[in-house]
Each structure stands twice: as C-alpha cells, then as structure tokens.
Amino acid sequence: MNFFKTPAVLKYVYPNLLWDKKDKQEQEQRIYLTFDDGPVPGVTDFVLETLKSYQAKATFFCVGENVDRYPALYQQIFREGHVVGNHTHHHLNGWESKDQDYFNDINLCENSLRRHLIRETPSLKKLFRPPHGKIKKSQIHFLKHEYTIVMWDILSGDFDADFNEEKCLRKCISHSTNGTIIIFHDSYKAEKNLRYVLPRYLDHFVSAGFHFEVL
C-alpha cells in the first residue's frame, strides 16, 4: 500500500477503517498528524519539541517493544497532551502473520501501553494501526469490535531515504486538506526527511489557519 494519496476505491472497499475525518459541516480547518514506529530517542523528542513550538497535537502509534525500552519518552507523549495507539509489539505484517499470532502481538503491545501509563495521563483510547497498512479482512473483522482501525489519507513517504526532502514537503502540502489524516514516522529510518519536512509542514498550515488535533 505505497500510494502517496490513498485511492478512493480503497476507502470504498474497506469502509470499516478510518481513512480521514472530513466533515463539510465543520467550520474549523483540521489536520490529524500521526506518527508510527516510535518512541525512539533523538527522533520522538524532536517531534514533541516541534509540535510544542506550533501548539500542535498528534497521535502516536507506538511499537510495544519501543515503549518497554523507552518508557519515559512514551510518558512524555502523554504529558504533552498527545494520544497513543497500538502498532503491535514487534511491528508485525498482518498479511504474513497467522491471525492468532497477530492478535497475541497486539495484546502484548496493549499490555506495554497500559503498564507504562502514569497517573496524571488521560485514559488510553483504543486505536490501532496495522504496520505497513497490511491487514487481512479476518483481522479487521476481529479487531474492529475493540479498536478503531486507523489508516491514512496521505502517506508522507518520509521513510524513503531516496525521497528528496523538498519534494516530500511539496507533496505533503499539496495533498493535505481539511480532515486529512497524514502519516509520518518517528523512526531513525525517516529522520532525515522528517527533520526537514515536519516544521515546514506545520508552519505552512498553521499560517493558513489550520489546527492540528488528536484522533
């Protein structure tokens, strides 16, 4: 699922998944930033610092084993008013996983997310994003009763080291509209593009009067 802009046909075929939050009745212009694969030192804290400077909120889809490694960084996400979701414990590909193994790994992640919660944080929302966007219909059918399964409207492509930073920024800006859910990655693989794109993306849309909110 490597489309930059998610094709309308995918949204039609998989209506139980959350692709965007477009509401024509809504007066405020909103974009929903999401970050996958963290938390990791040096990248997640850069993201948090950048979001704070623009008074922007975001949703972080965390890998359970990273939460266990860096609990203080995970807790900082909450302290700064953001929301987290489940991204499996070992970043599993749903297409390549047996269903029960996949569900067990999601439960492992859920346990890590809850174990490292701190008292002053809000209750954890039940959000799930499948790594790589790869999930079977049988997995959707099982998980949709417990989770909102969140996909995306725009895939930034920040993880592609060969993707020119300026081109990445232009594409992110040109495809974003009110209600867009855009996916970035707070990972070492994406760091080069992320450090260039994120502050400029935020600056562009904050200047245009958009708000950045959690899911």
Protein backbone atom coordinates (compact mmCIF):
# COMPACT_ATOMS: atom_id res chain seq x y z
CA MET A 1 0.00 0.00 0.00
CA ASN A 2 2.57 2.55 -1.18
CA PHE A 3 0.22 5.15 -2.68
CA PHE A 4 1.06 8.70 -1.62
CA LYS A 5 -2.61 9.68 -1.64
CA THR A 6 -4.94 6.84 -0.68
CA PRO A 7 -7.16 5.94 -3.67
CA ALA A 8 -10.89 6.42 -3.14
CA VAL A 9 -11.51 2.79 -4.13
CA LEU A 10 -9.63 1.54 -1.05
CA LYS A 11 -11.79 3.69 1.21
CA TYR A 12 -14.86 2.25 -0.53
CA VAL A 13 -13.70 -1.38 -0.24
CA TYR A 14 -12.70 -1.00 3.43
CA PRO A 15 -15.34 1.31 4.94
CA ASN A 16 -14.73 -0.01 8.48
CA LEU A 17 -11.28 1.58 8.54
CA LEU A 18 -10.71 5.23 9.41
CA TRP A 19 -9.02 6.91 6.45
CA ASP A 20 -9.78 10.59 7.11
CA LYS A 21 -12.05 12.84 9.18
CA LYS A 22 -13.59 15.07 6.55
CA ASP A 23 -16.69 16.93 7.73
CA LYS A 24 -18.19 19.56 5.43
CA GLN A 25 -20.21 20.98 8.31
CA GLU A 26 -17.11 21.68 10.38
CA GLN A 27 -16.08 25.34 10.41
CA GLU A 28 -12.53 24.89 11.69
CA GLN A 29 -9.85 23.56 9.36
CA ARG A 30 -8.24 20.49 10.94
CA ILE A 31 -5.41 18.13 10.03
CA TYR A 32 -4.64 14.97 12.01
CA LEU A 33 -0.92 14.26 12.34
CA THR A 34 0.03 10.67 13.11
CA PHE A 35 3.46 9.18 13.83
CA ASP A 36 4.33 5.48 13.58
CA ASP A 37 7.02 3.16 14.96
CA GLY A 38 8.32 5.08 18.00
CA PRO A 39 9.10 6.05 20.54
CA VAL A 40 12.86 6.30 19.94
CA PRO A 41 15.36 8.78 21.43
CA GLY A 42 16.52 11.62 19.22
CA VAL A 43 13.54 11.41 16.89
CA THR A 44 10.41 11.22 19.05
CA ASP A 45 11.72 14.00 21.28
CA PHE A 46 12.44 16.12 18.18
CA VAL A 47 8.85 15.56 17.08
CA LEU A 48 7.49 16.51 20.50
CA GLU A 49 9.60 19.65 20.65
CA THR A 50 8.50 20.69 17.15
CA LEU A 51 4.82 20.05 17.90
CA LYS A 52 5.05 22.08 21.10
CA SER A 53 6.55 25.05 19.25
CA TYR A 54 3.47 25.14 17.00
CA GLN A 55 0.95 24.22 19.72
CA ALA A 56 0.03 21.17 17.61
CA LYS A 57 -1.31 17.85 18.88
CA ALA A 58 -0.80 14.44 17.29
CA THR A 59 -1.50 10.72 17.61
CA PHE A 60 1.44 8.33 18.07
CA PHE A 61 1.10 4.68 17.04
CA CYS A 62 3.68 3.03 19.25
CA VAL A 63 5.53 -0.26 18.85
CA GLY A 64 5.27 -2.12 22.16
CA GLU A 65 8.91 -3.14 22.42
CA ASN A 66 9.94 0.51 21.95
CA VAL A 67 7.58 1.54 24.73
CA ASP A 68 9.26 -1.02 27.00
CA ARG A 69 12.71 0.26 26.06
CA TYR A 70 11.91 3.96 26.45
CA PRO A 71 9.03 4.34 28.93
CA ALA A 72 9.98 7.89 29.94
CA LEU A 73 9.77 9.04 26.32
CA TYR A 74 6.42 7.29 25.96
CA GLN A 75 5.14 9.04 29.08
CA GLN A 76 6.32 12.39 27.73
CA ILE A 77 3.92 11.94 24.80
CA PHE A 78 1.03 11.91 27.29
CA ARG A 79 2.35 14.73 29.42
CA GLU A 80 2.38 16.99 26.38
CA GLY A 81 -1.25 16.31 25.52
CA HIS A 82 -0.96 13.79 22.71
CA VAL A 83 -2.68 10.42 22.24
CA VAL A 84 -1.20 6.98 21.58
CA GLY A 85 -2.40 3.94 19.67
CA ASN A 86 -1.34 0.31 19.27
CA HIS A 87 1.07 -0.57 16.43
CA THR A 88 1.73 -4.20 17.51
CA HIS A 89 4.56 -5.21 19.82
CA HIS A 90 7.05 -6.34 17.15
CA HIS A 91 5.85 -4.35 14.10
CA LEU A 92 4.21 -7.37 12.51
CA ASN A 93 2.99 -7.54 8.93
CA GLY A 94 -0.63 -8.72 9.14
CA TRP A 95 -0.55 -10.28 5.66
CA GLU A 96 2.37 -12.51 6.68
CA SER A 97 1.08 -13.40 10.17
CA LYS A 98 -1.30 -16.06 11.39
CA ASP A 99 -4.32 -14.35 12.88
CA GLN A 100 -3.86 -15.62 16.42
CA ASP A 101 -0.16 -14.71 16.40
CA TYR A 102 -1.12 -11.24 15.20
CA PHE A 103 -3.76 -10.79 17.91
CA ASN A 104 -1.35 -12.03 20.58
CA ASP A 105 1.23 -9.48 19.48
CA ILE A 106 -1.35 -6.69 19.61
CA ASN A 107 -2.24 -7.77 23.15
CA LEU A 108 1.44 -7.68 24.11
CA CYS A 109 1.62 -4.11 22.84
CA GLU A 110 -1.58 -3.18 24.67
CA ASN A 111 -0.10 -4.51 27.90
CA SER A 112 3.01 -2.40 27.41
CA LEU A 113 0.98 0.72 26.62
CA ARG A 114 -1.02 0.31 29.82
CA ARG A 115 1.81 -0.84 32.07
CA HIS A 116 3.77 2.36 31.49
CA LEU A 117 0.87 4.77 31.87
CA ILE A 118 1.33 7.44 34.51
CA ARG A 119 -1.37 8.56 36.89
CA GLU A 120 -1.88 12.06 35.52
CA THR A 121 -2.45 10.92 31.93
CA PRO A 122 -5.92 10.65 30.37
CA SER A 123 -7.39 7.20 29.75
CA LEU A 124 -5.93 5.38 26.80
CA LYS A 125 -8.03 5.47 23.65
CA LYS A 126 -8.36 2.20 21.78
CA LEU A 127 -6.73 2.99 18.46
CA PHE A 128 -4.87 0.52 16.26
CA ARG A 129 -2.84 0.97 13.09
CA PRO A 130 -1.52 -2.08 11.22
CA PRO A 131 2.20 -1.83 10.39
CA HIS A 132 2.74 -1.15 6.67
CA GLY A 133 -1.07 -0.80 6.40
CA LYS A 134 -1.20 -4.56 5.79
CA ILE A 135 -4.10 -6.28 7.48
CA LYS A 136 -6.36 -9.19 6.45
CA LYS A 137 -10.13 -8.98 6.32
CA SER A 138 -10.32 -11.66 9.03
CA GLN A 139 -8.12 -9.50 11.26
CA ILE A 140 -10.24 -6.42 10.60
CA HIS A 141 -13.40 -8.37 11.44
CA PHE A 142 -11.96 -9.45 14.80
CA LEU A 143 -10.29 -6.20 15.81
CA LYS A 144 -12.98 -3.71 14.78
CA HIS A 145 -15.09 -4.59 17.84
CA GLU A 146 -12.34 -3.42 20.21
CA TYR A 147 -10.38 -0.87 18.21
CA THR A 148 -10.82 1.97 15.78
CA ILE A 149 -8.51 0.81 13.00
CA VAL A 150 -6.78 3.91 11.70
CA MET A 151 -5.25 4.09 8.25
CA TRP A 152 -4.39 7.34 6.46
CA ASP A 153 -5.35 9.77 3.74
CA ILE A 154 -1.74 10.71 2.96
CA LEU A 155 1.42 8.60 3.28
CA SER A 156 4.25 11.14 3.58
CA GLY A 157 6.96 8.78 2.32
CA ASP A 158 9.38 10.16 4.91
CA PHE A 159 10.81 6.65 5.45
CA ASP A 160 12.21 6.57 1.89
CA ALA A 161 15.83 7.76 2.10
CA ASP A 162 15.86 8.33 -1.68
CA PHE A 163 12.87 10.68 -1.50
CA ASN A 164 14.06 14.29 -1.84
CA GLU A 165 13.10 16.32 1.24
CA GLU A 166 11.72 19.27 -0.71
CA LYS A 167 9.66 17.02 -2.98
CA CYS A 168 8.33 15.20 0.07
CA LEU A 169 7.28 18.52 1.61
CA ARG A 170 5.60 19.76 -1.58
CA LYS A 171 3.60 16.56 -1.94
CA CYS A 172 2.50 16.58 1.70
CA ILE A 173 1.32 20.18 1.42
CA SER A 174 -0.38 19.84 -1.96
CA HIS A 175 -2.42 16.77 -0.97
CA SER A 176 -3.47 17.88 2.52
CA THR A 177 -6.97 19.23 3.02
CA ASN A 178 -9.40 19.72 5.89
CA GLY A 179 -9.83 16.37 7.68
CA THR A 180 -6.65 14.79 6.32
CA ILE A 181 -5.00 12.04 8.36
CA ILE A 182 -1.32 12.11 7.42
CA ILE A 183 1.27 9.57 8.49
CA PHE A 184 4.86 10.39 9.42
CA HIS A 185 7.35 8.13 11.22
CA ASP A 186 9.26 8.93 14.42
CA SER A 187 11.95 6.44 13.46
CA TYR A 188 15.63 6.57 12.57
CA LYS A 189 14.84 5.49 9.02
CA ALA A 190 12.64 8.56 8.49
CA GLU A 191 14.72 11.05 10.48
CA LYS A 192 16.41 12.81 7.56
CA ASN A 193 13.18 13.70 5.78
CA LEU A 194 11.20 14.23 8.97
CA ARG A 195 13.55 16.88 10.34
CA TYR A 196 13.19 18.85 7.12
CA VAL A 197 9.50 18.33 6.38
CA LEU A 198 7.71 18.46 9.73
CA PRO A 199 8.49 22.02 10.86
CA ARG A 200 7.87 23.42 7.38
CA TYR A 201 4.62 21.47 7.01
CA LEU A 202 3.40 22.76 10.37
CA ASP A 203 4.47 26.31 9.59
CA HIS A 204 2.59 26.28 6.28
CA PHE A 205 -0.71 25.06 7.68
CA VAL A 206 -0.63 26.96 10.97
CA SER A 207 -0.08 30.13 8.93
CA ALA A 208 -3.09 29.13 6.82
CA GLY A 209 -5.27 28.87 9.94
CA PHE A 210 -5.36 25.07 10.36
CA HIS A 211 -5.49 23.29 13.72
CA PHE A 212 -3.66 20.03 14.45
CA GLU A 213 -5.62 17.70 16.72
CA VAL A 214 -5.54 14.17 18.09
CA LEU A 215 -7.76 11.38 16.81
